[in-house]
C-alpha atoms as a PDB file:
ATOM      1  CA  ALA A   1      -0.928   2.117-214.839  1.00  0.00           C
ATOM      2  CA  SER A   2       2.090   2.754-217.424  1.00  0.00           C
ATOM      3  CA  ARG A   3       3.358   6.222-217.825  1.00  0.00           C
ATOM      4  CA  GLY A   4       1.085   7.931-220.648  1.00  0.00           C
ATOM      5  CA  ALA A   5      -2.064   5.534-220.661  1.00  0.00           C
ATOM      6  CA  LEU A   6      -4.993   6.487-220.217  1.00  0.00           C
ATOM      7  CA  PRO A   7      -7.408   5.274-216.993  1.00  0.00           C
ATOM      8  CA  SER A   8      -9.584   2.284-218.092  1.00  0.00           C
ATOM      9  CA  ILE A   9     -13.114   2.070-217.602  1.00  0.00           C
ATOM     10  CA  ALA A  10     -14.479  -1.554-216.004  1.00  0.00           C
ATOM     11  CA  GLY A  11     -10.958  -2.760-216.431  1.00  0.00           C
ATOM     12  CA  ILE A  12     -10.873  -2.153-220.025  1.00  0.00           C
ATOM     13  CA  PRO A  13      -7.495  -0.371-221.255  1.00  0.00           C
ATOM     14  CA  GLN A  14      -7.824   2.904-222.854  1.00  0.00           C
ATOM     15  CA  SER A  15      -5.994   3.837-225.844  1.00  0.00           C
ATOM     16  CA  SER A  16      -2.590   6.123-225.726  1.00  0.00           C
ATOM     17  CA  PRO A  17      -2.778   9.529-227.568  1.00  0.00           C
ATOM     18  CA  ARG A  18      -0.030   9.460-229.308  1.00  0.00           C
ATOM     19  CA  SER A  19      -0.011   9.904-233.241  1.00  0.00           C
ATOM     20  CA  ALA A  20       0.058   7.319-235.943  1.00  0.00           C
ATOM     21  CA  CYS A  21       3.070   5.102-235.651  1.00  0.00           C
ATOM     22  CA  SER A  22       3.989   1.728-236.599  1.00  0.00           C
ATOM     23  CA  ALA A  23       3.586  -0.900-234.188  1.00  0.00           C
ATOM     24  CA  GLU A  24       6.401  -3.819-233.498  1.00  0.00           C
ATOM     25  CA  ASP A  25       4.961  -6.218-235.907  1.00  0.00           C
ATOM     26  CA  GLY A  26       4.907  -3.300-238.822  1.00  0.00           C
ATOM     27  CA  SER A  27       1.097  -2.789-238.850  1.00  0.00           C
ATOM     28  CA  GLU A  28       0.255   1.116-238.938  1.00  0.00           C
ATOM     29  CA  GLU A  29      -1.950   2.392-236.277  1.00  0.00           C
ATOM     30  CA  VAL A  30      -4.053   5.300-237.272  1.00  0.00           C
ATOM     31  CA  VAL A  31      -5.409   7.472-234.657  1.00  0.00           C
ATOM     32  CA  PHE A  32      -8.937   9.232-234.110  1.00  0.00           C
ATOM     33  CA  VAL A  33      -9.998  12.060-232.212  1.00  0.00           C
ATOM     34  CA  VAL A  34     -13.601  13.148-231.610  1.00  0.00           C
ATOM     35  CA  ARG A  35     -13.924  16.928-232.307  1.00  0.00           C
ATOM     36  CA  GLY A  36     -13.994  19.267-229.368  1.00  0.00           C
ATOM     37  CA  GLU A  37     -14.391  16.026-226.965  1.00  0.00           C
ATOM     38  CA  GLY A  38     -11.047  14.897-226.935  1.00  0.00           C
ATOM     39  CA  HIS A  39     -11.925  11.157-226.913  1.00  0.00           C
ATOM     40  CA  ILE A  40      -8.782   9.540-228.622  1.00  0.00           C
ATOM     41  CA  ALA A  41      -8.184   6.189-229.817  1.00  0.00           C
ATOM     42  CA  ARG A  42      -5.435   3.943-232.149  1.00  0.00           C
ATOM     43  CA  ILE A  43      -6.935   1.256-234.207  1.00  0.00           C
ATOM     44  CA  ARG A  44      -4.556  -0.777-236.463  1.00  0.00           C
ATOM     45  CA  ARG A  45      -5.287   0.243-240.188  1.00  0.00           C
ATOM     46  CA  ARG A  46      -5.765  -3.130-240.848  1.00  0.00           C
ATOM     47  CA  ALA A  47      -8.623  -3.395-238.445  1.00  0.00           C
ATOM     48  CA  LEU A  48     -10.566  -1.220-240.613  1.00  0.00           C
ATOM     49  CA  THR A  49     -12.308  -3.237-243.396  1.00  0.00           C
ATOM     50  CA  GLU A  50     -15.259  -2.245-245.856  1.00  0.00           C
ATOM     51  CA  ASP A  51     -16.763  -5.305-243.817  1.00  0.00           C
ATOM     52  CA  ILE A  52     -16.587  -3.706-240.600  1.00  0.00           C
ATOM     53  CA  SER A  53     -16.663   0.141-240.752  1.00  0.00           C
ATOM     54  CA  PRO A  54     -16.172   1.290-244.100  1.00  0.00           C
ATOM     55  CA  VAL A  55     -16.605   5.153-243.132  1.00  0.00           C
ATOM     56  CA  LEU A  56     -13.479   5.067-240.990  1.00  0.00           C
ATOM     57  CA  LEU A  57     -11.913   3.059-243.984  1.00  0.00           C
ATOM     58  CA  ALA A  58     -12.598   5.885-246.222  1.00  0.00           C
ATOM     59  CA  LEU A  59     -11.725   8.515-244.091  1.00  0.00           C
ATOM     60  CA  VAL A  60      -7.798   7.023-243.754  1.00  0.00           C
ATOM     61  CA  ALA A  61      -7.898   5.592-247.586  1.00  0.00           C
ATOM     62  CA  ASP A  62      -4.788   6.655-249.901  1.00  0.00           C
ATOM     63  CA  ARG A  63      -5.706   8.981-252.107  1.00  0.00           C
ATOM     64  CA  GLY A  64      -2.315   9.060-254.047  1.00  0.00           C
ATOM     65  CA  ASP A  65      -2.464  11.896-256.079  1.00  0.00           C
ATOM     66  CA  ASP A  66      -6.468  11.997-256.728  1.00  0.00           C
ATOM     67  CA  ASP A  67      -7.599  15.128-255.340  1.00  0.00           C
ATOM     68  CA  SER A  68     -10.832  14.705-256.788  1.00  0.00           C
ATOM     69  CA  MET A  69     -11.599  12.474-253.661  1.00  0.00           C
ATOM     70  CA  PRO A  70     -12.233  13.796-250.053  1.00  0.00           C
ATOM     71  CA  SER A  71     -10.045  12.649-247.290  1.00  0.00           C
ATOM     72  CA  GLY A  72     -10.808  12.584-243.867  1.00  0.00           C
ATOM     73  CA  GLU A  73      -9.955  15.903-241.766  1.00  0.00           C
ATOM     74  CA  ARG A  74      -7.022  15.592-239.434  1.00  0.00           C
ATOM     75  CA  ASP A  75      -5.714  17.980-236.681  1.00  0.00           C
ATOM     76  CA  SER A  76      -2.416  19.519-236.288  1.00  0.00           C
ATOM     77  CA  GLN A  77      -1.106  16.082-234.817  1.00  0.00           C
ATOM     78  CA  GLY A  78      -1.900  14.080-237.710  1.00  0.00           C
ATOM     79  CA  ARG A  79      -5.137  12.441-236.163  1.00  0.00           C
ATOM     80  CA  TYR A  80      -8.108  11.910-238.008  1.00  0.00           C
ATOM     81  CA  ILE A  81     -11.367  13.691-236.749  1.00  0.00           C
ATOM     82  CA  LEU A  82     -14.564  12.114-235.822  1.00  0.00           C
ATOM     83  CA  ASP A  83     -17.667  13.878-235.458  1.00  0.00           C
ATOM     84  CA  GLY A  84     -19.086  11.705-232.339  1.00  0.00           C
ATOM     85  CA  PRO A  85     -20.169  10.250-230.279  1.00  0.00           C
ATOM     86  CA  THR A  86     -19.236  12.670-227.305  1.00  0.00           C
ATOM     87  CA  ASN A  87     -19.920   9.776-224.637  1.00  0.00           C
ATOM     88  CA  THR A  88     -16.629   8.490-223.479  1.00  0.00           C
ATOM     89  CA  HIS A  89     -18.362   4.980-222.839  1.00  0.00           C
ATOM     90  CA  ALA A  90     -19.932   5.450-226.104  1.00  0.00           C
ATOM     91  CA  PHE A  91     -16.804   6.352-227.998  1.00  0.00           C
ATOM     92  CA  ASN A  92     -14.560   3.453-226.157  1.00  0.00           C
ATOM     93  CA  PHE A  93     -17.269   0.696-226.918  1.00  0.00           C
ATOM     94  CA  LEU A  94     -17.695   1.691-230.929  1.00  0.00           C
ATOM     95  CA  VAL A  95     -14.142   1.598-231.149  1.00  0.00           C
ATOM     96  CA  GLU A  96     -13.726  -1.407-229.743  1.00  0.00           C
ATOM     97  CA  CYS A  97     -16.133  -3.307-232.013  1.00  0.00           C
ATOM     98  CA  VAL A  98     -13.950  -1.991-234.960  1.00  0.00           C
ATOM     99  CA  ARG A  99     -10.676  -3.468-233.361  1.00  0.00           C
ATOM    100  CA  ARG A 100     -12.637  -6.573-232.541  1.00  0.00           C
ATOM    101  CA  GLY A 101     -14.328  -7.115-236.157  1.00  0.00           C
ATOM    102  CA  GLY A 102     -17.672  -6.604-234.876  1.00  0.00           C
ATOM    103  CA  GLN A 103     -17.458  -9.262-232.186  1.00  0.00           C
ATOM    104  CA  VAL A 104     -18.761  -8.225-228.804  1.00  0.00           C
ATOM    105  CA  GLY A 105     -21.139 -10.187-226.679  1.00  0.00           C
ATOM    106  CA  ALA A 106     -24.267  -8.889-225.137  1.00  0.00           C
ATOM    107  CA  ALA A 107     -22.887  -8.828-221.786  1.00  0.00           C
ATOM    108  CA  GLU A 108     -19.419  -7.303-222.444  1.00  0.00           C
ATOM    109  CA  MET A 109     -21.720  -4.635-224.577  1.00  0.00           C
ATOM    110  CA  ALA A 110     -23.480  -3.952-221.337  1.00  0.00           C
ATOM    111  CA  GLU A 111     -20.292  -3.392-219.113  1.00  0.00           C
ATOM    112  CA  TRP A 112     -18.779  -0.942-221.734  1.00  0.00           C
ATOM    113  CA  MET A 113     -21.969   0.754-221.646  1.00  0.00           C
ATOM    114  CA  PRO A 114     -23.227   1.014-217.983  1.00  0.00           C
ATOM    115  CA  ASP A 115     -25.858   3.806-218.283  1.00  0.00           C
ATOM    116  CA  LEU A 116     -28.532   4.997-220.736  1.00  0.00           C
ATOM    117  CA  ASP A 117     -26.752   8.193-221.956  1.00  0.00           C
ATOM    118  CA  SER A 118     -23.988   6.023-223.332  1.00  0.00           C
ATOM    119  CA  ARG A 119     -26.581   3.427-224.642  1.00  0.00           C
ATOM    120  CA  LEU A 120     -28.159   6.290-226.503  1.00  0.00           C
ATOM    121  CA  GLU A 121     -25.156   8.145-227.538  1.00  0.00           C
ATOM    122  CA  ALA A 122     -23.877   4.585-229.249  1.00  0.00           C
ATOM    123  CA  CYS A 123     -27.212   3.700-230.959  1.00  0.00           C
ATOM    124  CA  ARG A 124     -27.054   7.346-232.491  1.00  0.00           C
ATOM    125  CA  ASN A 125     -23.503   6.935-233.573  1.00  0.00           C
ATOM    126  CA  VAL A 126     -23.263   3.458-234.987  1.00  0.00           C
ATOM    127  CA  ASP A 127     -24.484   3.948-238.100  1.00  0.00           C
ATOM    128  CA  TYR A 128     -21.624   6.802-238.662  1.00  0.00           C
ATOM    129  CA  TYR A 129     -19.216   4.087-238.056  1.00  0.00           C
ATOM    130  CA  LEU A 130     -21.549   1.749-240.267  1.00  0.00           C
ATOM    131  CA  LEU A 131     -20.660  -1.459-238.004  1.00  0.00           C
ATOM    132  CA  PRO A 132     -22.170  -4.813-238.831  1.00  0.00           C
ATOM    133  CA  GLY A 133     -25.984  -5.499-238.338  1.00  0.00           C
ATOM    134  CA  PRO A 134     -25.454  -7.780-235.498  1.00  0.00           C
ATOM    135  CA  ILE A 135     -24.239  -5.038-233.484  1.00  0.00           C
ATOM    136  CA  LYS A 136     -26.391  -2.605-234.295  1.00  0.00           C
ATOM    137  CA  SER A 137     -29.194  -5.094-233.411  1.00  0.00           C
ATOM    138  CA  GLN A 138     -27.788  -6.039-230.216  1.00  0.00           C
ATOM    139  CA  LEU A 139     -27.039  -2.495-229.135  1.00  0.00           C
ATOM    140  CA  THR A 140     -30.807  -1.727-229.632  1.00  0.00           C
ATOM    141  CA  LYS A 141     -31.802  -4.718-227.516  1.00  0.00           C
ATOM    142  CA  LEU A 142     -29.495  -3.450-224.814  1.00  0.00           C
ATOM    143  CA  LEU A 143     -31.016   0.262-225.569  1.00  0.00           C
ATOM    144  CA  LEU A 144     -34.502  -1.137-224.910  1.00  0.00           C
ATOM    145  CA  SER A 145     -33.563  -3.441-221.853  1.00  0.00           C
ATOM    146  CA  SER A 146     -32.655  -0.048-220.175  1.00  0.00           C
ATOM    147  CA  PHE A 147     -36.517   1.148-220.299  1.00  0.00           C
ATOM    148  CA  SER A 148     -38.620  -0.593-217.746  1.00  0.00           C
ATOM    149  CA  LEU A 149     -42.366  -0.407-217.694  1.00  0.00           C
ATOM    150  CA  PRO A 150     -44.052   0.549-214.590  1.00  0.00           C
ATOM    151  CA  THR A 151     -45.795  -2.311-212.647  1.00  0.00           C
ATOM    152  CA  ALA A 152     -49.505  -2.114-212.480  1.00  0.00           C
ATOM    153  CA  ALA A 153     -49.973  -2.581-208.879  1.00  0.00           C
ATOM    154  CA  GLY A 154     -53.410  -3.072-207.815  1.00  0.00           C
ATOM    155  CA  SER A 155     -54.303  -3.111-211.386  1.00  0.00           C
ATOM    156  CA  GLY A 156     -55.934  -6.800-211.160  1.00  0.00           C
ATOM    157  CA  THR A 157     -54.545  -7.927-214.262  1.00  0.00           C
END
């Protein structure tokens, strides 16, 4: 692993916790942190669009001299503070959905969120991120598949 890199989950590299900076291609990255949890993600500003995550876009929007519009809360390191999710798997999945423009397949989604807790947390927070409808639908199906009905052994039906 490279120095300063966070461990990976299921072979998926995590973001470095450095503050916002410019990438080599000149695109600015924005850093988000979950309040009280320390989950950190870096996302290229250009990945934040009205179609993919209007809430995150609104948090980082340049307000200029307009003090009448609220701006996203930031910590002492300049990172934008989010209210969730607190589950690491759910957070990493939702961030990756934003990075990929909402294009994550069902099988891959299950890899990102291996347990019921992460799936529940992602469902609770998907509206906070306002991800596109197909992602919400896939996430709901994944959550529902986590529940199984007991078999009616010997019921004769």
